[in-house]
Amino acid sequence: MRQLWAVAVISISAAIGAGAQAPQPPWRGENLQYFPKDISRPQLIQHMREFSFALDVRCQYCHSGGDGVSFDGVVFASDDKPAKVKARAMLRMVEQINTAMLPQLPSRAEPRVSVGCATCHRGSALPKSLQTTLFEMVEKDGPAAAVARYRALRATTMESGKYNFSEWEIHELARRLVEAGNAAAAIAIQEVNGEFNPKSADIDFALAELHRGRGEREKAIQRYRATLEKSPQHQGAKRWLTELTKQ
């Protein structure tokens, strides 16, 4: 019995010793310059997820290392990538807007609106509007490439709300192109605008004005007539159609 008791005591002691590991130190983030030093790991991960979804990017967009798929090899504490430094600046800007600037608005809406990453980025790493994206493409690759890009973006991003595909977004693009001295590109982009907004008299009138400005009389007449078919009381179209048909 004494031997059995001794064996039992030794076995229990061994089990306790095996289970009693040294206590793990609490988790602490490294190189935190914006978030609180004592932020919990789940809280920090949630912020990172929000950034990822708002910009439609993976962790390696800001953090160096790794294979782009898993977290293996990612050095989260590193500041090697400029995007991470920019992210801190953007976070401070957003904080300034929400805590100092928006509270100064008179008659502020309730419930109060606050700004976040998704407010501007809307699923894009670089928060450019549709008109800016297409304007830059016209300048770089020409109007045909911009029209093709417009069609592709409508087909792939309309559901996500990444871009504003309203008729007036394209009107603004056409205006910018005219100001840049590229009326031909403005016509091309307005024609595809009319394709997706076939009931709009404003698009026909805008095209008529563009053709008239280029001295393209017959095309202008055709578009002024199309304007009046959709909006019979359109005074601008009436006036210019009368003038042009006198000639």
Protein backbone atom coordinates (compact mmCIF):
# COMPACT_ATOMS: atom_id res chain seq x y z
CA MET A 1 0.00 0.00 0.00
CA ARG A 2 2.84 2.37 0.84
CA GLN A 3 4.39 1.68 -2.56
CA LEU A 4 1.08 2.28 -4.35
CA TRP A 5 0.59 5.55 -2.45
CA ALA A 6 4.07 6.73 -3.37
CA VAL A 7 3.48 5.96 -7.04
CA ALA A 8 0.17 7.85 -6.96
CA VAL A 9 1.79 10.91 -5.36
CA ILE A 10 4.60 10.92 -7.92
CA SER A 11 2.13 10.57 -10.82
CA ILE A 12 -0.03 13.44 -9.57
CA SER A 13 3.01 15.65 -9.02
CA ALA A 14 4.27 14.93 -12.52
CA ALA A 15 0.90 15.76 -14.03
CA ILE A 16 0.70 19.03 -12.12
CA GLY A 17 4.23 19.92 -13.16
CA ALA A 18 3.51 19.21 -16.80
CA GLY A 19 0.36 21.34 -16.80
CA ALA A 20 1.74 24.24 -14.83
CA GLN A 21 3.57 26.07 -17.62
CA ALA A 22 5.07 29.48 -17.11
CA PRO A 23 2.43 32.23 -17.56
CA GLN A 24 2.44 33.82 -20.99
CA PRO A 25 3.15 37.56 -21.08
CA PRO A 26 0.19 39.66 -22.21
CA TRP A 27 0.07 40.45 -25.93
CA ARG A 28 1.39 43.88 -26.89
CA GLY A 29 1.49 45.41 -30.34
CA GLU A 30 4.83 46.58 -31.70
CA ASN A 31 5.59 50.00 -33.17
CA LEU A 32 2.12 51.38 -32.49
CA GLN A 33 2.21 55.09 -33.27
CA TYR A 34 -1.48 55.85 -33.77
CA PHE A 35 -3.42 53.21 -31.86
CA PRO A 36 -3.15 53.01 -28.04
CA LYS A 37 -0.23 50.99 -26.75
CA ASP A 38 -2.59 48.83 -24.70
CA ILE A 39 -5.04 48.05 -27.54
CA SER A 40 -6.10 44.42 -27.52
CA ARG A 41 -5.14 42.09 -30.33
CA PRO A 42 -8.80 41.48 -31.41
CA GLN A 43 -9.44 45.24 -31.50
CA LEU A 44 -6.37 45.89 -33.62
CA ILE A 45 -7.22 43.05 -36.00
CA GLN A 46 -10.73 44.47 -36.45
CA HIS A 47 -9.30 47.86 -37.42
CA MET A 48 -7.03 46.15 -39.93
CA ARG A 49 -10.02 44.28 -41.40
CA GLU A 50 -11.88 47.57 -41.81
CA PHE A 51 -8.94 49.06 -43.72
CA SER A 52 -8.72 45.97 -45.91
CA PHE A 53 -12.40 46.06 -46.85
CA ALA A 54 -12.51 49.84 -47.35
CA LEU A 55 -9.58 49.80 -49.80
CA ASP A 56 -10.12 46.29 -51.18
CA VAL A 57 -6.52 45.33 -50.40
CA ARG A 58 -4.73 42.65 -48.41
CA CYS A 59 -2.47 43.18 -45.40
CA GLN A 60 0.66 43.30 -47.56
CA TYR A 61 -0.54 46.52 -49.14
CA CYS A 62 0.84 48.27 -46.05
CA HIS A 63 2.91 45.58 -44.34
CA SER A 64 6.14 44.14 -45.72
CA GLY A 65 7.08 40.49 -46.09
CA GLY A 66 5.02 37.37 -46.65
CA ASP A 67 3.65 35.69 -49.74
CA GLY A 68 0.63 37.93 -50.26
CA VAL A 69 -1.78 35.17 -49.24
CA SER A 70 -1.03 34.05 -45.67
CA PHE A 71 0.46 35.90 -42.68
CA ASP A 72 3.62 33.81 -42.82
CA GLY A 73 6.64 36.08 -42.97
CA VAL A 74 4.71 39.35 -42.62
CA VAL A 75 6.60 41.88 -40.51
CA PHE A 76 3.75 43.91 -39.04
CA ALA A 77 6.03 46.18 -37.01
CA SER A 78 8.05 47.28 -40.04
CA ASP A 79 7.64 50.74 -41.59
CA ASP A 80 9.36 49.74 -44.83
CA LYS A 81 6.33 50.43 -47.04
CA PRO A 82 5.32 54.06 -47.66
CA ALA A 83 1.66 52.99 -47.63
CA LYS A 84 1.87 52.27 -43.91
CA VAL A 85 3.27 55.72 -43.15
CA LYS A 86 0.56 57.27 -45.33
CA ALA A 87 -2.08 55.24 -43.50
CA ARG A 88 -1.08 56.81 -40.18
CA ALA A 89 -1.33 60.28 -41.71
CA MET A 90 -4.77 59.46 -43.11
CA LEU A 91 -5.95 58.15 -39.75
CA ARG A 92 -4.90 61.40 -38.07
CA MET A 93 -6.67 63.38 -40.80
CA VAL A 94 -9.88 61.38 -40.31
CA GLU A 95 -9.67 61.88 -36.55
CA GLN A 96 -9.22 65.64 -37.04
CA ILE A 97 -12.26 65.78 -39.34
CA ASN A 98 -14.47 63.83 -36.95
CA THR A 99 -13.39 65.41 -33.67
CA ALA A 100 -12.55 69.01 -34.63
CA MET A 101 -14.09 69.97 -37.95
CA LEU A 102 -17.46 68.21 -38.20
CA PRO A 103 -18.55 69.29 -34.68
CA GLN A 104 -18.31 72.90 -35.88
CA LEU A 105 -21.02 72.40 -38.51
CA PRO A 106 -24.16 74.41 -37.73
CA SER A 107 -27.39 72.41 -37.57
CA ARG A 108 -25.53 69.15 -37.87
CA ALA A 109 -27.62 66.17 -38.98
CA GLU A 110 -28.76 63.62 -36.43
CA PRO A 111 -27.79 60.86 -36.08
CA ARG A 112 -24.40 62.37 -36.70
CA VAL A 113 -22.42 61.39 -39.76
CA SER A 114 -18.76 60.58 -39.30
CA VAL A 115 -16.00 60.02 -41.83
CA GLY A 116 -14.19 56.72 -42.26
CA CYS A 117 -11.83 55.16 -44.79
CA ALA A 118 -14.72 53.84 -46.88
CA THR A 119 -16.22 57.34 -47.17
CA CYS A 120 -13.68 58.22 -49.84
CA HIS A 121 -12.08 54.93 -50.85
CA ARG A 122 -15.27 52.93 -51.46
CA GLY A 123 -13.27 49.81 -52.29
CA SER A 124 -10.41 51.51 -54.15
CA ALA A 125 -6.84 51.76 -52.93
CA LEU A 126 -6.61 55.19 -54.57
CA PRO A 127 -9.85 57.13 -54.01
CA LYS A 128 -10.38 58.56 -57.49
CA SER A 129 -13.82 59.35 -58.88
CA LEU A 130 -15.04 57.81 -62.11
CA GLN A 131 -14.59 61.06 -64.01
CA THR A 132 -11.02 61.47 -62.80
CA THR A 133 -10.20 57.85 -63.63
CA LEU A 134 -11.56 58.25 -67.17
CA PHE A 135 -10.09 61.74 -67.66
CA GLU A 136 -6.62 60.41 -66.87
CA MET A 137 -7.16 57.49 -69.23
CA VAL A 138 -8.19 59.82 -72.06
CA GLU A 139 -5.00 61.80 -71.58
CA LYS A 140 -2.84 58.69 -71.46
CA ASP A 141 -4.46 56.22 -73.88
CA GLY A 142 -7.12 58.17 -75.78
CA PRO A 143 -10.94 58.32 -75.74
CA ALA A 144 -11.50 54.80 -77.15
CA ALA A 145 -9.61 53.29 -74.21
CA ALA A 146 -11.57 55.44 -71.76
CA VAL A 147 -14.88 54.34 -73.28
CA ALA A 148 -13.81 50.70 -73.07
CA ARG A 149 -12.78 51.23 -69.45
CA TYR A 150 -16.15 52.84 -68.68
CA ARG A 151 -17.99 49.83 -70.07
CA ALA A 152 -15.79 47.42 -68.12
CA LEU A 153 -16.25 49.32 -64.86
CA ARG A 154 -20.02 49.41 -65.29
CA ALA A 155 -20.01 45.65 -65.81
CA THR A 156 -17.76 44.82 -62.86
CA THR A 157 -18.25 47.48 -60.17
CA MET A 158 -21.82 48.78 -60.52
CA GLU A 159 -23.08 46.45 -57.79
CA SER A 160 -20.39 47.39 -55.29
CA GLY A 161 -21.05 51.13 -55.55
CA LYS A 162 -17.36 51.82 -56.04
CA TYR A 163 -18.06 54.51 -58.66
CA ASN A 164 -20.81 56.99 -59.43
CA PHE A 165 -22.25 56.01 -62.82
CA SER A 166 -24.89 58.72 -62.90
CA GLU A 167 -25.51 60.68 -66.08
CA TRP A 168 -24.17 63.87 -64.52
CA GLU A 169 -20.87 62.32 -63.53
CA ILE A 170 -20.20 61.87 -67.26
CA HIS A 171 -21.48 65.38 -68.03
CA GLU A 172 -18.81 66.68 -65.66
CA LEU A 173 -16.18 64.53 -67.34
CA ALA A 174 -17.18 65.93 -70.73
CA ARG A 175 -16.98 69.48 -69.38
CA ARG A 176 -13.45 68.85 -68.09
CA LEU A 177 -12.43 67.39 -71.43
CA VAL A 178 -13.74 70.46 -73.27
CA GLU A 179 -11.85 72.73 -70.89
CA ALA A 180 -8.74 70.68 -71.66
CA GLY A 181 -9.28 71.31 -75.38
CA ASN A 182 -10.45 67.79 -76.22
CA ALA A 183 -13.98 68.17 -77.58
CA ALA A 184 -13.64 64.99 -79.66
CA ALA A 185 -13.13 62.95 -76.48
CA ALA A 186 -16.05 64.76 -74.84
CA ILE A 187 -18.27 63.69 -77.75
CA ALA A 188 -17.11 60.07 -77.49
CA ILE A 189 -17.78 59.93 -73.77
CA GLN A 190 -21.18 61.64 -74.10
CA GLU A 191 -22.21 59.18 -76.79
CA VAL A 192 -21.64 56.24 -74.46
CA ASN A 193 -23.43 58.24 -71.74
CA GLY A 194 -26.43 58.47 -74.07
CA GLU A 195 -26.25 54.75 -74.74
CA PHE A 196 -26.83 54.01 -71.05
CA ASN A 197 -29.29 56.91 -70.55
CA PRO A 198 -31.38 56.77 -73.75
CA LYS A 199 -34.22 58.94 -72.45
CA SER A 200 -32.02 61.90 -71.54
CA ALA A 201 -32.62 65.05 -73.57
CA ASP A 202 -29.75 66.72 -71.76
CA ILE A 203 -27.22 64.36 -73.31
CA ASP A 204 -28.53 65.04 -76.83
CA PHE A 205 -28.40 68.77 -76.17
CA ALA A 206 -24.85 68.53 -74.82
CA LEU A 207 -23.79 66.62 -77.95
CA ALA A 208 -25.53 69.15 -80.16
CA GLU A 209 -23.62 71.96 -78.47
CA LEU A 210 -20.35 70.11 -78.90
CA HIS A 211 -20.97 69.51 -82.61
CA ARG A 212 -22.04 73.12 -83.14
CA GLY A 213 -18.87 74.32 -81.42
CA ARG A 214 -16.85 72.20 -83.85
CA GLY A 215 -18.72 73.55 -86.85
CA GLU A 216 -20.44 70.22 -87.51
CA ARG A 217 -23.78 71.70 -88.57
CA GLU A 218 -25.65 68.57 -89.70
CA LYS A 219 -24.67 66.59 -86.63
CA ALA A 220 -25.72 69.48 -84.41
CA ILE A 221 -29.11 69.73 -86.15
CA GLN A 222 -29.64 66.00 -85.70
CA ARG A 223 -28.92 66.21 -81.99
CA TYR A 224 -31.07 69.32 -81.45
CA ARG A 225 -33.96 67.47 -83.09
CA ALA A 226 -33.34 64.46 -80.88
CA THR A 227 -33.43 66.80 -77.87
CA LEU A 228 -36.83 68.14 -78.89
CA GLU A 229 -38.21 64.67 -79.45
CA LYS A 230 -37.50 63.91 -75.81
CA SER A 231 -38.17 67.40 -74.42
CA PRO A 232 -40.45 69.35 -76.80
CA GLN A 233 -40.26 72.58 -74.77
CA HIS A 234 -36.45 72.71 -74.62
CA GLN A 235 -35.82 76.39 -75.40
CA GLY A 236 -32.12 76.09 -76.16
CA ALA A 237 -32.69 73.34 -78.71
CA LYS A 238 -35.54 75.29 -80.33
CA ARG A 239 -33.47 78.44 -80.67
CA TRP A 240 -30.38 76.81 -82.14
CA LEU A 241 -32.35 74.52 -84.44
CA THR A 242 -34.08 77.60 -85.87
CA GLU A 243 -30.74 79.35 -86.35
CA LEU A 244 -29.03 76.42 -87.99
CA THR A 245 -31.88 75.53 -90.34
CA LYS A 246 -31.91 79.10 -91.69
CA GLN A 247 -28.50 78.58 -93.21
